[in-house]
């Protein structure tokens, strides 16, 4: 069963994906096609700052944003790398714990 923290994190991630998909679907992927963003939910309103801060959404004129696909791809690559560095140490710890139990069993302790 998922914890409330996991559910909240999933809702935040979904809101960020939805924000980017709105611009992708509208074809607002260059400065000439910048469009105002109408927030569909309070969660999306709170999460709009993250893609803007990451450079994924760029503000062209007052209230007009456009999706920078190159920045979106770079942000996805950064997230993937950070996940690798976060998961690899956990895998090492898991291997060490299993090895410790096997050694204890082999020694008969």
N, C-alpha and C. Protein backbone atom coordinates (compact mmCIF):
# COMPACT_ATOMS: atom_id res chain seq x y z
N UNK A 1 0.84 -1.18 0.00
CA UNK A 1 0.00 0.00 0.00
C UNK A 1 0.88 1.24 0.00
N UNK A 2 0.57 2.19 -0.84
CA UNK A 2 1.39 3.39 -1.00
C UNK A 2 1.20 4.33 0.19
N UNK A 3 2.28 4.97 0.56
CA UNK A 3 2.20 5.95 1.64
C UNK A 3 1.67 7.26 1.11
N UNK A 4 1.27 8.13 2.01
CA UNK A 4 0.77 9.44 1.58
C UNK A 4 1.87 10.26 0.92
N UNK A 5 3.11 10.09 1.36
CA UNK A 5 4.23 10.80 0.74
C UNK A 5 4.44 10.34 -0.70
N UNK A 6 4.31 9.04 -0.93
CA UNK A 6 4.46 8.51 -2.29
C UNK A 6 3.32 9.00 -3.18
N UNK A 7 2.12 9.04 -2.63
CA UNK A 7 0.99 9.53 -3.41
C UNK A 7 1.15 11.00 -3.75
N UNK A 8 1.64 11.79 -2.80
CA UNK A 8 1.86 13.21 -3.06
C UNK A 8 2.94 13.40 -4.11
N UNK A 9 4.02 12.63 -4.03
CA UNK A 9 5.09 12.73 -5.03
C UNK A 9 4.58 12.36 -6.42
N UNK A 10 3.73 11.35 -6.49
CA UNK A 10 3.16 10.94 -7.77
C UNK A 10 2.25 12.03 -8.33
N UNK A 11 1.49 12.69 -7.47
CA UNK A 11 0.61 13.78 -7.91
C UNK A 11 1.41 14.95 -8.43
N UNK A 12 2.52 15.27 -7.77
CA UNK A 12 3.39 16.36 -8.21
C UNK A 12 3.99 16.04 -9.58
N UNK A 13 4.50 14.82 -9.73
CA UNK A 13 5.10 14.41 -11.02
C UNK A 13 4.05 14.44 -12.13
N UNK A 14 2.85 13.97 -11.83
CA UNK A 14 1.79 13.98 -12.84
C UNK A 14 1.43 15.41 -13.24
N UNK A 15 1.37 16.31 -12.27
CA UNK A 15 1.05 17.71 -12.58
C UNK A 15 2.11 18.32 -13.49
N UNK A 16 3.37 18.02 -13.23
CA UNK A 16 4.46 18.56 -14.08
C UNK A 16 4.38 18.00 -15.49
N UNK A 17 4.09 16.70 -15.62
CA UNK A 17 3.94 16.11 -16.95
C UNK A 17 2.77 16.72 -17.70
N UNK A 18 1.67 16.93 -16.98
CA UNK A 18 0.49 17.51 -17.62
C UNK A 18 0.76 18.92 -18.11
N UNK A 19 1.51 19.68 -17.34
CA UNK A 19 1.85 21.05 -17.75
C UNK A 19 2.59 21.02 -19.08
N UNK A 20 3.61 20.18 -19.18
CA UNK A 20 4.40 20.10 -20.41
C UNK A 20 3.56 19.56 -21.57
N UNK A 21 2.67 18.61 -21.29
CA UNK A 21 1.86 18.04 -22.37
C UNK A 21 0.87 19.06 -22.94
N UNK A 22 0.43 20.01 -22.14
CA UNK A 22 -0.47 21.06 -22.64
C UNK A 22 0.22 21.86 -23.74
N UNK A 23 1.47 22.23 -23.48
CA UNK A 23 2.22 23.02 -24.47
C UNK A 23 2.59 22.18 -25.69
N UNK A 24 2.93 20.92 -25.46
CA UNK A 24 3.26 20.02 -26.56
C UNK A 24 2.04 19.84 -27.48
N UNK A 25 0.89 19.60 -26.89
CA UNK A 25 -0.33 19.38 -27.67
C UNK A 25 -0.74 20.62 -28.45
N UNK A 26 -0.47 21.79 -27.89
CA UNK A 26 -0.84 23.05 -28.56
C UNK A 26 0.21 23.48 -29.58
N UNK A 27 1.33 22.76 -29.63
CA UNK A 27 2.39 23.13 -30.57
C UNK A 27 3.16 24.36 -30.16
N UNK A 28 3.09 24.71 -28.88
CA UNK A 28 3.80 25.89 -28.37
C UNK A 28 5.23 25.49 -28.02
N UNK A 29 6.01 25.20 -29.05
CA UNK A 29 7.37 24.70 -28.85
C UNK A 29 8.42 25.64 -29.43
N UNK A 30 8.05 26.88 -29.69
CA UNK A 30 9.01 27.89 -30.09
C UNK A 30 8.46 29.25 -29.66
N UNK A 31 9.32 30.26 -29.59
CA UNK A 31 8.88 31.56 -29.07
C UNK A 31 7.71 32.17 -29.85
N UNK A 32 7.63 31.92 -31.13
CA UNK A 32 6.56 32.50 -31.94
C UNK A 32 5.20 31.90 -31.58
N UNK A 33 5.18 30.70 -31.01
CA UNK A 33 3.93 30.02 -30.66
C UNK A 33 3.63 30.06 -29.17
N UNK A 34 4.30 30.95 -28.44
CA UNK A 34 4.08 31.06 -26.99
C UNK A 34 2.60 31.32 -26.71
N UNK A 35 2.14 30.74 -25.61
CA UNK A 35 0.72 30.86 -25.27
C UNK A 35 0.58 31.04 -23.76
N UNK A 36 -0.52 31.64 -23.35
CA UNK A 36 -0.76 31.74 -21.90
C UNK A 36 -1.11 30.37 -21.35
N UNK A 37 -0.80 30.15 -20.10
CA UNK A 37 -1.10 28.86 -19.48
C UNK A 37 -2.28 29.02 -18.54
N UNK A 38 -3.32 28.26 -18.80
CA UNK A 38 -4.50 28.26 -17.93
C UNK A 38 -4.40 27.02 -17.05
N UNK A 39 -4.21 27.23 -15.79
CA UNK A 39 -4.02 26.14 -14.86
C UNK A 39 -5.32 25.36 -14.68
N UNK A 40 -5.20 24.04 -14.81
CA UNK A 40 -6.38 23.19 -14.68
C UNK A 40 -6.66 22.84 -13.22
N UNK A 41 -5.64 22.90 -12.38
CA UNK A 41 -5.82 22.54 -10.97
C UNK A 41 -4.88 23.37 -10.10
N UNK A 42 -5.15 23.37 -8.82
CA UNK A 42 -4.25 24.07 -7.90
C UNK A 42 -2.88 23.43 -7.87
N UNK A 43 -2.82 22.12 -8.02
CA UNK A 43 -1.54 21.41 -8.04
C UNK A 43 -0.70 21.89 -9.22
N UNK A 44 -1.32 22.01 -10.39
CA UNK A 44 -0.57 22.50 -11.55
C UNK A 44 -0.12 23.94 -11.34
N UNK A 45 -0.94 24.74 -10.71
CA UNK A 45 -0.57 26.13 -10.44
C UNK A 45 0.68 26.17 -9.56
N UNK A 46 0.74 25.32 -8.55
CA UNK A 46 1.91 25.30 -7.66
C UNK A 46 3.14 24.73 -8.36
N UNK A 47 2.93 23.82 -9.32
CA UNK A 47 4.06 23.15 -9.95
C UNK A 47 4.58 23.84 -11.21
N UNK A 48 3.97 24.92 -11.62
CA UNK A 48 4.41 25.62 -12.83
C UNK A 48 5.82 26.18 -12.68
N UNK A 49 6.21 26.56 -11.49
CA UNK A 49 7.53 27.18 -11.30
C UNK A 49 8.67 26.22 -11.59
N UNK A 50 8.52 24.93 -11.36
CA UNK A 50 9.62 23.98 -11.57
C UNK A 50 10.07 23.92 -13.03
N UNK A 51 9.15 23.71 -14.00
CA UNK A 51 9.60 23.70 -15.39
C UNK A 51 10.16 25.05 -15.84
N UNK A 52 9.63 26.12 -15.29
CA UNK A 52 10.15 27.45 -15.63
C UNK A 52 11.57 27.60 -15.08
N UNK A 53 11.78 27.20 -13.82
CA UNK A 53 13.12 27.28 -13.21
C UNK A 53 14.12 26.38 -13.91
N UNK A 54 13.67 25.22 -14.40
CA UNK A 54 14.55 24.29 -15.11
C UNK A 54 14.84 24.72 -16.54
N UNK A 55 14.13 25.76 -17.02
CA UNK A 55 14.33 26.23 -18.39
C UNK A 55 13.53 25.43 -19.40
N UNK A 56 12.66 24.54 -18.93
CA UNK A 56 11.84 23.73 -19.83
C UNK A 56 10.73 24.58 -20.42
N UNK A 57 10.09 25.38 -19.59
CA UNK A 57 9.11 26.36 -20.06
C UNK A 57 9.75 27.73 -20.01
N UNK A 58 9.67 28.43 -21.11
CA UNK A 58 10.27 29.76 -21.18
C UNK A 58 9.17 30.79 -21.40
N UNK A 59 9.32 31.89 -20.67
CA UNK A 59 8.32 32.95 -20.79
C UNK A 59 8.78 33.92 -21.86
N UNK A 60 7.94 34.09 -22.88
CA UNK A 60 8.28 34.94 -24.02
C UNK A 60 7.72 36.34 -23.84
N UNK A 61 6.50 36.41 -23.43
CA UNK A 61 5.87 37.71 -23.20
C UNK A 61 5.02 37.58 -21.95
N UNK A 62 4.44 38.65 -21.50
CA UNK A 62 3.66 38.61 -20.26
C UNK A 62 2.58 37.53 -20.35
N UNK A 63 2.75 36.48 -19.56
CA UNK A 63 1.77 35.41 -19.53
C UNK A 63 1.94 34.36 -20.61
N UNK A 64 2.85 34.53 -21.55
CA UNK A 64 3.03 33.57 -22.62
C UNK A 64 4.23 32.67 -22.37
N UNK A 65 4.04 31.37 -22.48
CA UNK A 65 5.10 30.39 -22.27
C UNK A 65 5.22 29.51 -23.50
N UNK A 66 6.41 28.94 -23.68
CA UNK A 66 6.61 27.94 -24.73
C UNK A 66 7.51 26.84 -24.19
N UNK A 67 7.35 25.64 -24.74
CA UNK A 67 8.09 24.46 -24.29
C UNK A 67 9.37 24.31 -25.09
N UNK A 68 10.49 24.29 -24.39
CA UNK A 68 11.79 24.07 -25.02
C UNK A 68 12.07 22.57 -24.97
N UNK A 69 11.90 21.89 -26.10
CA UNK A 69 12.04 20.43 -26.14
C UNK A 69 13.45 19.97 -25.79
N UNK A 70 14.47 20.74 -26.21
CA UNK A 70 15.84 20.37 -25.88
C UNK A 70 16.08 20.43 -24.38
N UNK A 71 15.55 21.47 -23.74
CA UNK A 71 15.69 21.59 -22.29
C UNK A 71 14.91 20.49 -21.57
N UNK A 72 13.78 20.09 -22.14
CA UNK A 72 12.99 19.00 -21.56
C UNK A 72 13.77 17.69 -21.61
N UNK A 73 14.42 17.42 -22.75
CA UNK A 73 15.22 16.20 -22.88
C UNK A 73 16.42 16.23 -21.93
N UNK A 74 17.05 17.40 -21.79
CA UNK A 74 18.19 17.52 -20.88
C UNK A 74 17.75 17.32 -19.43
N UNK A 75 16.60 17.86 -19.05
CA UNK A 75 16.09 17.68 -17.69
C UNK A 75 15.77 16.22 -17.42
N UNK A 76 15.21 15.52 -18.39
CA UNK A 76 14.91 14.10 -18.23
C UNK A 76 16.20 13.29 -18.06
N UNK A 77 17.24 13.67 -18.81
CA UNK A 77 18.53 12.97 -18.68
C UNK A 77 19.15 13.23 -17.31
N UNK A 78 19.03 14.46 -16.81
CA UNK A 78 19.55 14.76 -15.46
C UNK A 78 18.82 13.95 -14.40
N UNK A 79 17.50 13.83 -14.52
CA UNK A 79 16.74 13.05 -13.55
C UNK A 79 17.14 11.58 -13.61
N UNK A 80 17.35 11.06 -14.81
CA UNK A 80 17.75 9.66 -14.95
C UNK A 80 19.12 9.42 -14.30
N UNK A 81 20.07 10.34 -14.52
CA UNK A 81 21.39 10.20 -13.90
C UNK A 81 21.30 10.27 -12.39
N UNK A 82 20.48 11.18 -11.87
CA UNK A 82 20.37 11.30 -10.41
C UNK A 82 19.73 10.04 -9.82
N UNK A 83 18.81 9.43 -10.55
CA UNK A 83 18.21 8.18 -10.09
C UNK A 83 19.26 7.07 -10.05
N UNK A 84 20.14 7.02 -11.05
CA UNK A 84 21.18 6.00 -11.07
C UNK A 84 22.08 6.13 -9.85
N UNK A 85 22.47 7.37 -9.53
CA UNK A 85 23.36 7.58 -8.40
C UNK A 85 22.65 7.35 -7.08
N UNK A 86 21.35 7.47 -7.06
CA UNK A 86 20.60 7.21 -5.83
C UNK A 86 20.33 5.73 -5.62
N UNK A 87 20.13 4.99 -6.71
CA UNK A 87 19.79 3.58 -6.60
C UNK A 87 21.02 2.69 -6.47
N UNK A 88 22.12 3.05 -7.12
CA UNK A 88 23.32 2.21 -7.10
C UNK A 88 23.82 1.95 -5.68
N UNK A 89 23.92 2.97 -4.82
CA UNK A 89 24.38 2.68 -3.44
C UNK A 89 23.42 1.75 -2.70
N UNK A 90 22.12 1.87 -2.95
CA UNK A 90 21.18 0.97 -2.29
C UNK A 90 21.40 -0.46 -2.75
N UNK A 91 21.71 -0.65 -4.02
CA UNK A 91 22.00 -1.99 -4.53
C UNK A 91 23.25 -2.57 -3.88
N UNK A 92 24.26 -1.73 -3.70
CA UNK A 92 25.50 -2.18 -3.05
C UNK A 92 25.23 -2.60 -1.61
N UNK A 93 24.45 -1.82 -0.91
CA UNK A 93 24.11 -2.16 0.48
C UNK A 93 23.35 -3.48 0.51
N UNK A 94 22.44 -3.68 -0.42
CA UNK A 94 21.69 -4.93 -0.47
C UNK A 94 22.59 -6.12 -0.69
N UNK A 95 23.55 -5.99 -1.59
CA UNK A 95 24.50 -7.08 -1.86
C UNK A 95 25.32 -7.36 -0.62
N UNK A 96 25.75 -6.32 0.08
CA UNK A 96 26.56 -6.51 1.29
C UNK A 96 25.76 -7.22 2.38
N UNK A 97 24.48 -6.88 2.53
CA UNK A 97 23.65 -7.52 3.55
C UNK A 97 23.47 -9.00 3.22
N UNK A 98 23.18 -9.30 1.96
CA UNK A 98 23.03 -10.70 1.56
C UNK A 98 24.33 -11.46 1.78
N UNK A 99 25.45 -10.86 1.43
CA UNK A 99 26.76 -11.51 1.62
C UNK A 99 27.01 -11.76 3.11
N UNK A 100 26.65 -10.82 3.94
CA UNK A 100 26.86 -10.97 5.38
C UNK A 100 26.05 -12.16 5.92
N UNK A 101 24.80 -12.29 5.48
CA UNK A 101 23.98 -13.42 5.92
C UNK A 101 24.53 -14.75 5.40
N UNK A 102 25.02 -14.76 4.17
CA UNK A 102 25.60 -15.99 3.63
C UNK A 102 26.85 -16.41 4.38
N UNK A 103 27.69 -15.45 4.72
CA UNK A 103 28.92 -15.75 5.47
C UNK A 103 28.56 -16.28 6.85
N UNK A 104 27.59 -15.63 7.51
CA UNK A 104 27.17 -16.09 8.85
C UNK A 104 26.62 -17.52 8.76
N UNK A 105 25.85 -17.81 7.73
CA UNK A 105 25.30 -19.16 7.59
C UNK A 105 26.40 -20.16 7.31
N UNK A 106 27.38 -19.79 6.52
CA UNK A 106 28.48 -20.68 6.16
C UNK A 106 29.35 -20.98 7.38
N UNK A 107 29.54 -19.95 8.24
CA UNK A 107 30.35 -20.15 9.44
C UNK A 107 29.57 -20.84 10.55
N UNK A 108 28.25 -20.94 10.38
CA UNK A 108 27.43 -21.61 11.37
C UNK A 108 27.16 -20.75 12.59
N UNK A 109 27.23 -19.48 12.44
CA UNK A 109 27.02 -18.60 13.60
C UNK A 109 25.57 -18.37 13.88
